[in-house]
Amino acid sequence: MTEQQVLQLAANAMLTGAKIAAPIMLAAMAVGLVISLFQSVTQIQEATLTFVPKVLAVGLVMLVAGHWMLGTFVNYVHALFASVPQLIAGG
């Protein structure tokens, strides 16, 4: 296994992780921004006010994009396992 192959595996793993995490992170950030603006305007400084909307938003994203996220991960793992013989042989 060459250094180039290790770097390629690491880059693919990080890219796949970012693709999978992006919908959840974007939804949580968007809801957090909206709630913080609401708290700033109304001057309600309740820490638990942000928790429930974020959980609902993440749950909705998991319902909508969960199949795609799982498919992306499974495709990555299949490709990784398919490349194991080539990586072991050093080719």
C-alpha atoms as a PDB file:
ATOM      1  CA  MET A   1       0.000   0.000   0.000  1.00  0.00           C
ATOM      2  CA  THR A   2       1.596   3.202  -1.143  1.00  0.00           C
ATOM      3  CA  GLU A   3       1.429   6.617   0.400  1.00  0.00           C
ATOM      4  CA  GLN A   4      -0.703   7.817  -2.516  1.00  0.00           C
ATOM      5  CA  GLN A   5      -3.279   5.088  -1.847  1.00  0.00           C
ATOM      6  CA  VAL A   6      -3.453   5.951   1.847  1.00  0.00           C
ATOM      7  CA  LEU A   7      -3.984   9.618   1.047  1.00  0.00           C
ATOM      8  CA  GLN A   8      -6.672   8.739  -1.504  1.00  0.00           C
ATOM      9  CA  LEU A   9      -8.482   6.531   1.031  1.00  0.00           C
ATOM     10  CA  ALA A  10      -8.334   9.283   3.652  1.00  0.00           C
ATOM     11  CA  ALA A  11      -9.571  11.916   1.204  1.00  0.00           C
ATOM     12  CA  ASN A  12     -12.459   9.713   0.065  1.00  0.00           C
ATOM     13  CA  ALA A  13     -13.414   8.946   3.662  1.00  0.00           C
ATOM     14  CA  MET A  14     -13.456  12.622   4.616  1.00  0.00           C
ATOM     15  CA  LEU A  15     -15.403  13.597   1.496  1.00  0.00           C
ATOM     16  CA  THR A  16     -17.992  10.884   2.118  1.00  0.00           C
ATOM     17  CA  GLY A  17     -18.297  11.903   5.762  1.00  0.00           C
ATOM     18  CA  ALA A  18     -18.802  15.532   4.762  1.00  0.00           C
ATOM     19  CA  LYS A  19     -21.454  14.575   2.189  1.00  0.00           C
ATOM     20  CA  ILE A  20     -23.341  12.516   4.754  1.00  0.00           C
ATOM     21  CA  ALA A  21     -23.126  15.088   7.541  1.00  0.00           C
ATOM     22  CA  ALA A  22     -23.914  18.159   5.406  1.00  0.00           C
ATOM     23  CA  PRO A  23     -27.739  17.925   5.342  1.00  0.00           C
ATOM     24  CA  ILE A  24     -27.973  17.463   9.110  1.00  0.00           C
ATOM     25  CA  MET A  25     -25.465  20.203   9.876  1.00  0.00           C
ATOM     26  CA  LEU A  26     -27.078  22.682   7.486  1.00  0.00           C
ATOM     27  CA  ALA A  27     -30.534  22.046   8.907  1.00  0.00           C
ATOM     28  CA  ALA A  28     -29.325  22.414  12.495  1.00  0.00           C
ATOM     29  CA  MET A  29     -27.431  25.590  11.652  1.00  0.00           C
ATOM     30  CA  ALA A  30     -30.377  27.129   9.817  1.00  0.00           C
ATOM     31  CA  VAL A  31     -32.791  26.368  12.660  1.00  0.00           C
ATOM     32  CA  GLY A  32     -30.260  27.655  15.184  1.00  0.00           C
ATOM     33  CA  LEU A  33     -29.918  30.907  13.269  1.00  0.00           C
ATOM     34  CA  VAL A  34     -33.676  31.411  13.035  1.00  0.00           C
ATOM     35  CA  ILE A  35     -34.172  30.653  16.731  1.00  0.00           C
ATOM     36  CA  SER A  36     -31.313  32.941  17.768  1.00  0.00           C
ATOM     37  CA  LEU A  37     -32.800  35.765  15.701  1.00  0.00           C
ATOM     38  CA  PHE A  38     -36.165  35.105  17.326  1.00  0.00           C
ATOM     39  CA  GLN A  39     -34.540  35.176  20.769  1.00  0.00           C
ATOM     40  CA  SER A  40     -32.743  38.417  19.953  1.00  0.00           C
ATOM     41  CA  VAL A  41     -35.917  40.119  18.762  1.00  0.00           C
ATOM     42  CA  THR A  42     -38.109  38.933  21.633  1.00  0.00           C
ATOM     43  CA  GLN A  43     -35.347  38.991  24.288  1.00  0.00           C
ATOM     44  CA  ILE A  44     -36.327  35.505  25.437  1.00  0.00           C
ATOM     45  CA  GLN A  45     -33.067  33.944  26.599  1.00  0.00           C
ATOM     46  CA  GLU A  46     -34.201  30.397  27.272  1.00  0.00           C
ATOM     47  CA  ALA A  47     -31.505  27.794  26.516  1.00  0.00           C
ATOM     48  CA  THR A  48     -33.970  24.957  25.994  1.00  0.00           C
ATOM     49  CA  LEU A  49     -35.876  26.895  23.325  1.00  0.00           C
ATOM     50  CA  THR A  50     -33.315  25.925  20.674  1.00  0.00           C
ATOM     51  CA  PHE A  51     -33.249  22.225  21.505  1.00  0.00           C
ATOM     52  CA  VAL A  52     -36.708  21.062  20.398  1.00  0.00           C
ATOM     53  CA  PRO A  53     -36.768  22.821  16.990  1.00  0.00           C
ATOM     54  CA  LYS A  54     -33.285  21.511  16.197  1.00  0.00           C
ATOM     55  CA  VAL A  55     -34.269  17.958  17.112  1.00  0.00           C
ATOM     56  CA  LEU A  56     -37.382  18.225  14.967  1.00  0.00           C
ATOM     57  CA  ALA A  57     -35.404  19.641  12.040  1.00  0.00           C
ATOM     58  CA  VAL A  58     -32.756  16.920  12.270  1.00  0.00           C
ATOM     59  CA  GLY A  59     -35.453  14.267  12.490  1.00  0.00           C
ATOM     60  CA  LEU A  60     -37.165  15.681   9.411  1.00  0.00           C
ATOM     61  CA  VAL A  61     -33.872  15.736   7.510  1.00  0.00           C
ATOM     62  CA  MET A  62     -33.241  12.125   8.521  1.00  0.00           C
ATOM     63  CA  LEU A  63     -36.682  11.169   7.231  1.00  0.00           C
ATOM     64  CA  VAL A  64     -36.184  12.970   3.938  1.00  0.00           C
ATOM     65  CA  ALA A  65     -32.476  12.363   3.247  1.00  0.00           C
ATOM     66  CA  GLY A  66     -31.783   9.284   5.356  1.00  0.00           C
ATOM     67  CA  HIS A  67     -32.121   6.887   2.437  1.00  0.00           C
ATOM     68  CA  TRP A  68     -29.671   8.907   0.350  1.00  0.00           C
ATOM     69  CA  MET A  69     -27.231   9.183   3.271  1.00  0.00           C
ATOM     70  CA  LEU A  70     -27.310   5.443   3.910  1.00  0.00           C
ATOM     71  CA  GLY A  71     -26.934   4.699   0.196  1.00  0.00           C
ATOM     72  CA  THR A  72     -23.917   7.000  -0.041  1.00  0.00           C
ATOM     73  CA  PHE A  73     -22.277   5.292   2.922  1.00  0.00           C
ATOM     74  CA  VAL A  74     -23.024   1.789   1.631  1.00  0.00           C
ATOM     75  CA  ASN A  75     -21.620   2.654  -1.807  1.00  0.00           C
ATOM     76  CA  TYR A  76     -18.440   3.965  -0.204  1.00  0.00           C
ATOM     77  CA  VAL A  77     -18.025   0.837   1.927  1.00  0.00           C
ATOM     78  CA  HIS A  78     -18.652  -1.443  -1.069  1.00  0.00           C
ATOM     79  CA  ALA A  79     -16.007   0.418  -3.082  1.00  0.00           C
ATOM     80  CA  LEU A  80     -13.614   0.277  -0.150  1.00  0.00           C
ATOM     81  CA  PHE A  81     -14.069  -3.455   0.354  1.00  0.00           C
ATOM     82  CA  ALA A  82     -13.764  -4.080  -3.388  1.00  0.00           C
ATOM     83  CA  SER A  83     -10.400  -2.291  -3.399  1.00  0.00           C
ATOM     84  CA  VAL A  84      -8.956  -4.281  -0.473  1.00  0.00           C
ATOM     85  CA  PRO A  85      -7.324  -7.015  -2.626  1.00  0.00           C
ATOM     86  CA  GLN A  86      -5.615  -4.382  -4.777  1.00  0.00           C
ATOM     87  CA  LEU A  87      -4.445  -2.493  -1.689  1.00  0.00           C
ATOM     88  CA  ILE A  88      -3.041  -5.634  -0.072  1.00  0.00           C
ATOM     89  CA  ALA A  89      -1.254  -6.662  -3.277  1.00  0.00           C
ATOM     90  CA  GLY A  90       0.309  -3.227  -3.454  1.00  0.00           C
ATOM     91  CA  GLY A  91      -1.025  -2.504  -6.927  1.00  0.00           C
END
